[in-house]
Amino acid sequence: MNYRTLIVPAVLVASIALTGFAASAAYSGQHVRQAKVNIKQARAIALRAVPGGKIVDQELEKEAGGSGLRYSFDVKVKGQTHEVGVDAKTGKVLENAVEGANPD
């Protein structure tokens, strides 16, 4: 069997596995189990709130307001970064504001 025939599929499988692990590690644990809205749905909601934007950062966090559990997205559009908060239990947009000079 050819060396290339073995290595290419192995590298592909490893890279897919690592990419999936990195994405799931950021959204694992108790917070995810409490969320009624999944990350894909929340991303779509955030992008509807900032038309033409591109998500550059995201996290699931406990924070005051709404149900207390929210997805927080940094959405970049036309040189500005909007912080969009989406309630992880209801899907309601809790925040949509342009980040200031000192983002948190």
N, C-alpha and C. Protein backbone atom coordinates (compact mmCIF):
# COMPACT_ATOMS: atom_id res chain seq x y z
N MET A 1 0.85 -1.19 0.00
CA MET A 1 0.00 0.00 0.00
C MET A 1 0.89 1.24 0.00
N ASN A 2 0.48 2.23 -0.70
CA ASN A 2 1.21 3.48 -0.87
C ASN A 2 1.19 4.31 0.42
N TYR A 3 2.32 4.89 0.78
CA TYR A 3 2.45 5.76 1.96
C TYR A 3 1.44 6.91 1.91
N ARG A 4 1.32 7.55 0.76
CA ARG A 4 0.40 8.68 0.59
C ARG A 4 -1.05 8.23 0.80
N THR A 5 -1.39 7.05 0.39
CA THR A 5 -2.74 6.52 0.55
C THR A 5 -3.12 6.41 2.03
N LEU A 6 -2.15 6.15 2.89
CA LEU A 6 -2.42 6.02 4.33
C LEU A 6 -2.37 7.37 5.05
N ILE A 7 -1.43 8.21 4.71
CA ILE A 7 -1.20 9.46 5.44
C ILE A 7 -2.28 10.50 5.17
N VAL A 8 -2.66 10.72 3.93
CA VAL A 8 -3.63 11.77 3.60
C VAL A 8 -4.96 11.56 4.34
N PRO A 9 -5.56 10.37 4.31
CA PRO A 9 -6.80 10.18 5.06
C PRO A 9 -6.60 10.35 6.57
N ALA A 10 -5.48 9.90 7.10
CA ALA A 10 -5.22 10.03 8.53
C ALA A 10 -5.11 11.49 8.94
N VAL A 11 -4.44 12.30 8.16
CA VAL A 11 -4.31 13.73 8.45
C VAL A 11 -5.67 14.40 8.36
N LEU A 12 -6.45 14.05 7.37
CA LEU A 12 -7.78 14.62 7.20
C LEU A 12 -8.68 14.29 8.39
N VAL A 13 -8.69 13.05 8.82
CA VAL A 13 -9.51 12.63 9.97
C VAL A 13 -9.05 13.35 11.23
N ALA A 14 -7.74 13.45 11.44
CA ALA A 14 -7.22 14.13 12.63
C ALA A 14 -7.59 15.60 12.64
N SER A 15 -7.50 16.27 11.50
CA SER A 15 -7.82 17.70 11.47
C SER A 15 -9.31 17.93 11.70
N ILE A 16 -10.15 17.08 11.16
CA ILE A 16 -11.59 17.21 11.40
C ILE A 16 -11.90 16.97 12.87
N ALA A 17 -11.29 15.98 13.46
CA ALA A 17 -11.52 15.67 14.87
C ALA A 17 -11.07 16.81 15.76
N LEU A 18 -9.91 17.39 15.49
CA LEU A 18 -9.41 18.50 16.30
C LEU A 18 -10.27 19.74 16.15
N THR A 19 -10.73 20.02 14.94
CA THR A 19 -11.60 21.17 14.71
C THR A 19 -12.91 21.00 15.47
N GLY A 20 -13.48 19.84 15.40
CA GLY A 20 -14.72 19.57 16.13
C GLY A 20 -14.52 19.66 17.63
N PHE A 21 -13.36 19.19 18.12
CA PHE A 21 -13.09 19.27 19.55
C PHE A 21 -12.96 20.71 19.99
N ALA A 22 -12.27 21.53 19.23
CA ALA A 22 -12.10 22.94 19.61
C ALA A 22 -13.44 23.65 19.67
N ALA A 23 -14.31 23.40 18.69
CA ALA A 23 -15.62 24.05 18.68
C ALA A 23 -16.48 23.57 19.84
N SER A 24 -16.44 22.26 20.14
CA SER A 24 -17.29 21.75 21.21
C SER A 24 -16.73 22.13 22.57
N ALA A 25 -15.43 22.28 22.71
CA ALA A 25 -14.85 22.64 24.00
C ALA A 25 -15.29 24.03 24.44
N ALA A 26 -15.49 24.93 23.50
CA ALA A 26 -15.91 26.29 23.83
C ALA A 26 -17.36 26.33 24.30
N TYR A 27 -18.16 25.35 23.95
CA TYR A 27 -19.58 25.33 24.29
C TYR A 27 -19.96 24.02 24.94
N SER A 28 -19.21 23.63 25.96
CA SER A 28 -19.52 22.37 26.62
C SER A 28 -19.95 22.64 28.05
N GLY A 29 -20.41 21.60 28.69
CA GLY A 29 -20.73 21.69 30.10
C GLY A 29 -22.17 22.07 30.38
N GLN A 30 -22.39 22.48 31.61
CA GLN A 30 -23.72 22.75 32.12
C GLN A 30 -24.43 23.85 31.34
N HIS A 31 -23.73 24.89 30.94
CA HIS A 31 -24.37 26.00 30.22
C HIS A 31 -25.07 25.51 28.96
N VAL A 32 -24.41 24.66 28.21
CA VAL A 32 -24.99 24.17 26.96
C VAL A 32 -26.24 23.35 27.26
N ARG A 33 -26.21 22.55 28.30
CA ARG A 33 -27.37 21.73 28.63
C ARG A 33 -28.56 22.59 29.04
N GLN A 34 -28.30 23.78 29.58
CA GLN A 34 -29.38 24.68 30.00
C GLN A 34 -29.97 25.47 28.83
N ALA A 35 -29.21 25.63 27.78
CA ALA A 35 -29.65 26.43 26.63
C ALA A 35 -30.75 25.71 25.86
N LYS A 36 -31.77 26.45 25.49
CA LYS A 36 -32.85 25.93 24.65
C LYS A 36 -32.59 26.27 23.18
N VAL A 37 -31.79 27.31 22.96
CA VAL A 37 -31.40 27.77 21.62
C VAL A 37 -29.98 27.27 21.39
N ASN A 38 -29.73 26.59 20.28
CA ASN A 38 -28.38 26.12 20.03
C ASN A 38 -27.53 27.22 19.38
N ILE A 39 -26.23 26.98 19.29
CA ILE A 39 -25.30 27.99 18.79
C ILE A 39 -25.61 28.37 17.34
N LYS A 40 -26.01 27.42 16.53
CA LYS A 40 -26.32 27.71 15.13
C LYS A 40 -27.52 28.66 15.03
N GLN A 41 -28.55 28.40 15.83
CA GLN A 41 -29.73 29.26 15.84
C GLN A 41 -29.37 30.66 16.36
N ALA A 42 -28.57 30.71 17.42
CA ALA A 42 -28.19 32.00 18.00
C ALA A 42 -27.35 32.82 17.03
N ARG A 43 -26.47 32.16 16.29
CA ARG A 43 -25.66 32.87 15.28
C ARG A 43 -26.56 33.50 14.22
N ALA A 44 -27.56 32.75 13.77
CA ALA A 44 -28.49 33.27 12.76
C ALA A 44 -29.25 34.48 13.30
N ILE A 45 -29.66 34.42 14.55
CA ILE A 45 -30.37 35.54 15.18
C ILE A 45 -29.46 36.77 15.24
N ALA A 46 -28.22 36.57 15.66
CA ALA A 46 -27.26 37.69 15.76
C ALA A 46 -27.00 38.32 14.40
N LEU A 47 -26.88 37.50 13.37
CA LEU A 47 -26.62 38.03 12.03
C LEU A 47 -27.84 38.75 11.45
N ARG A 48 -29.04 38.37 11.85
CA ARG A 48 -30.24 39.11 11.44
C ARG A 48 -30.27 40.48 12.13
N ALA A 49 -29.73 40.54 13.36
CA ALA A 49 -29.71 41.80 14.11
C ALA A 49 -28.71 42.79 13.52
N VAL A 50 -27.67 42.29 12.84
CA VAL A 50 -26.65 43.14 12.23
C VAL A 50 -26.49 42.69 10.78
N PRO A 51 -27.40 43.12 9.90
CA PRO A 51 -27.37 42.69 8.50
C PRO A 51 -26.02 42.99 7.84
N GLY A 52 -25.52 42.00 7.11
CA GLY A 52 -24.25 42.17 6.39
C GLY A 52 -23.03 41.96 7.26
N GLY A 53 -23.24 41.62 8.54
CA GLY A 53 -22.12 41.46 9.46
C GLY A 53 -21.49 40.08 9.40
N LYS A 54 -20.33 39.98 10.04
CA LYS A 54 -19.59 38.72 10.12
C LYS A 54 -19.22 38.51 11.58
N ILE A 55 -19.54 37.35 12.13
CA ILE A 55 -19.22 37.05 13.52
C ILE A 55 -17.72 36.80 13.63
N VAL A 56 -17.06 37.55 14.54
CA VAL A 56 -15.62 37.41 14.73
C VAL A 56 -15.29 36.82 16.10
N ASP A 57 -16.25 36.76 17.00
CA ASP A 57 -16.03 36.15 18.32
C ASP A 57 -17.38 35.74 18.88
N GLN A 58 -17.39 34.68 19.69
CA GLN A 58 -18.64 34.22 20.28
C GLN A 58 -18.35 33.49 21.57
N GLU A 59 -19.32 33.55 22.49
CA GLU A 59 -19.21 32.79 23.72
C GLU A 59 -20.59 32.60 24.34
N LEU A 60 -20.70 31.59 25.17
CA LEU A 60 -21.91 31.34 25.93
C LEU A 60 -21.56 31.66 27.37
N GLU A 61 -22.35 32.53 28.00
CA GLU A 61 -21.99 32.99 29.34
C GLU A 61 -23.22 33.23 30.20
N LYS A 62 -22.99 33.18 31.50
CA LYS A 62 -24.02 33.58 32.46
C LYS A 62 -23.86 35.07 32.66
N GLU A 63 -24.96 35.80 32.48
CA GLU A 63 -24.90 37.25 32.62
C GLU A 63 -26.29 37.76 32.97
N ALA A 64 -26.34 38.80 33.76
CA ALA A 64 -27.62 39.37 34.17
C ALA A 64 -28.42 39.81 32.96
N GLY A 65 -29.73 39.73 33.08
CA GLY A 65 -30.63 40.13 32.00
C GLY A 65 -31.19 38.92 31.30
N GLY A 66 -32.43 39.00 30.90
CA GLY A 66 -33.07 37.86 30.24
C GLY A 66 -33.12 36.68 31.18
N SER A 67 -32.84 35.50 30.66
CA SER A 67 -32.87 34.28 31.46
C SER A 67 -31.61 34.12 32.31
N GLY A 68 -30.61 34.97 32.06
CA GLY A 68 -29.34 34.85 32.77
C GLY A 68 -28.30 34.03 32.03
N LEU A 69 -28.67 33.46 30.91
CA LEU A 69 -27.74 32.68 30.10
C LEU A 69 -27.83 33.23 28.68
N ARG A 70 -26.71 33.69 28.15
CA ARG A 70 -26.74 34.31 26.82
C ARG A 70 -25.54 33.94 25.99
N TYR A 71 -25.79 33.97 24.69
CA TYR A 71 -24.71 33.91 23.72
C TYR A 71 -24.30 35.35 23.48
N SER A 72 -23.02 35.60 23.48
CA SER A 72 -22.51 36.94 23.20
C SER A 72 -21.67 36.86 21.93
N PHE A 73 -22.01 37.70 20.97
CA PHE A 73 -21.31 37.70 19.68
C PHE A 73 -20.71 39.07 19.40
N ASP A 74 -19.52 39.08 18.85
CA ASP A 74 -18.95 40.29 18.28
C ASP A 74 -19.16 40.16 16.77
N VAL A 75 -19.93 41.10 16.23
CA VAL A 75 -20.28 41.06 14.81
C VAL A 75 -19.68 42.30 14.15
N LYS A 76 -18.81 42.08 13.19
CA LYS A 76 -18.12 43.18 12.51
C LYS A 76 -18.85 43.51 11.21
N VAL A 77 -19.12 44.82 11.03
CA VAL A 77 -19.74 45.29 9.80
C VAL A 77 -19.31 46.74 9.56
N LYS A 78 -18.89 47.03 8.35
CA LYS A 78 -18.49 48.38 7.94
C LYS A 78 -17.50 49.02 8.92
N GLY A 79 -16.52 48.24 9.36
CA GLY A 79 -15.47 48.78 10.23
C GLY A 79 -15.86 48.94 11.69
N GLN A 80 -17.07 48.57 12.05
CA GLN A 80 -17.51 48.66 13.43
C GLN A 80 -17.79 47.26 13.96
N THR A 81 -17.61 47.10 15.27
CA THR A 81 -17.92 45.84 15.91
C THR A 81 -19.12 46.04 16.82
N HIS A 82 -20.16 45.26 16.56
CA HIS A 82 -21.36 45.29 17.38
C HIS A 82 -21.29 44.13 18.37
N GLU A 83 -21.68 44.38 19.60
CA GLU A 83 -21.84 43.29 20.55
C GLU A 83 -23.32 42.95 20.57
N VAL A 84 -23.61 41.69 20.24
CA VAL A 84 -24.99 41.23 20.18
C VAL A 84 -25.15 40.11 21.21
N GLY A 85 -26.10 40.30 22.11
CA GLY A 85 -26.41 39.28 23.11
C GLY A 85 -27.73 38.61 22.76
N VAL A 86 -27.72 37.29 22.71
CA VAL A 86 -28.92 36.52 22.39
C VAL A 86 -29.22 35.61 23.57
N ASP A 87 -30.44 35.71 24.12
CA ASP A 87 -30.84 34.87 25.25
C ASP A 87 -30.79 33.41 24.82
N ALA A 88 -30.07 32.60 25.57
CA ALA A 88 -29.86 31.20 25.21
C ALA A 88 -31.08 30.32 25.49
N LYS A 89 -32.07 30.87 26.18
CA LYS A 89 -33.27 30.09 26.48
C LYS A 89 -34.47 30.53 25.64
N THR A 90 -34.49 31.80 25.22
CA THR A 90 -35.65 32.30 24.47
C THR A 90 -35.32 32.72 23.04
N GLY A 91 -34.06 33.00 22.74
CA GLY A 91 -33.67 33.48 21.41
C GLY A 91 -33.87 34.97 21.22
N LYS A 92 -34.31 35.66 22.27
CA LYS A 92 -34.53 37.11 22.18
C LYS A 92 -33.20 37.85 22.15
N VAL A 93 -33.12 38.90 21.31
CA VAL A 93 -31.93 39.76 21.28
C VAL A 93 -31.98 40.65 22.51
N LEU A 94 -30.98 40.52 23.38
CA LEU A 94 -30.92 41.27 24.63
C LEU A 94 -30.06 42.52 24.50
N GLU A 95 -29.16 42.50 23.53
CA GLU A 95 -28.23 43.61 23.36
C GLU A 95 -27.81 43.66 21.90
N ASN A 96 -27.68 44.89 21.39
CA ASN A 96 -27.15 45.10 20.06
C ASN A 96 -26.59 46.52 20.06
N ALA A 97 -25.30 46.63 20.38
CA ALA A 97 -24.68 47.95 20.52
C ALA A 97 -23.29 47.92 19.89
N VAL A 98 -22.91 49.07 19.36
CA VAL A 98 -21.56 49.23 18.82
C VAL A 98 -20.60 49.27 20.00
N GLU A 99 -19.54 48.47 19.93
CA GLU A 99 -18.54 48.47 20.99
C GLU A 99 -17.80 49.79 21.01
N GLY A 100 -17.53 50.26 22.20
CA GLY A 100 -16.78 51.50 22.36
C GLY A 100 -15.28 51.29 22.21
N ALA A 101 -14.52 52.30 22.62
CA ALA A 101 -13.07 52.26 22.50
C ALA A 101 -12.43 51.21 23.39
N ASN A 102 -13.09 50.86 24.50
CA ASN A 102 -12.55 49.88 25.45
C ASN A 102 -13.50 48.69 25.58
N PRO A 103 -13.52 47.79 24.59
CA PRO A 103 -14.44 46.64 24.67
C PRO A 103 -14.08 45.74 25.84
N ASP A 104 -15.10 45.11 26.43
CA ASP A 104 -14.84 44.23 27.58
C ASP A 104 -14.49 42.84 27.20
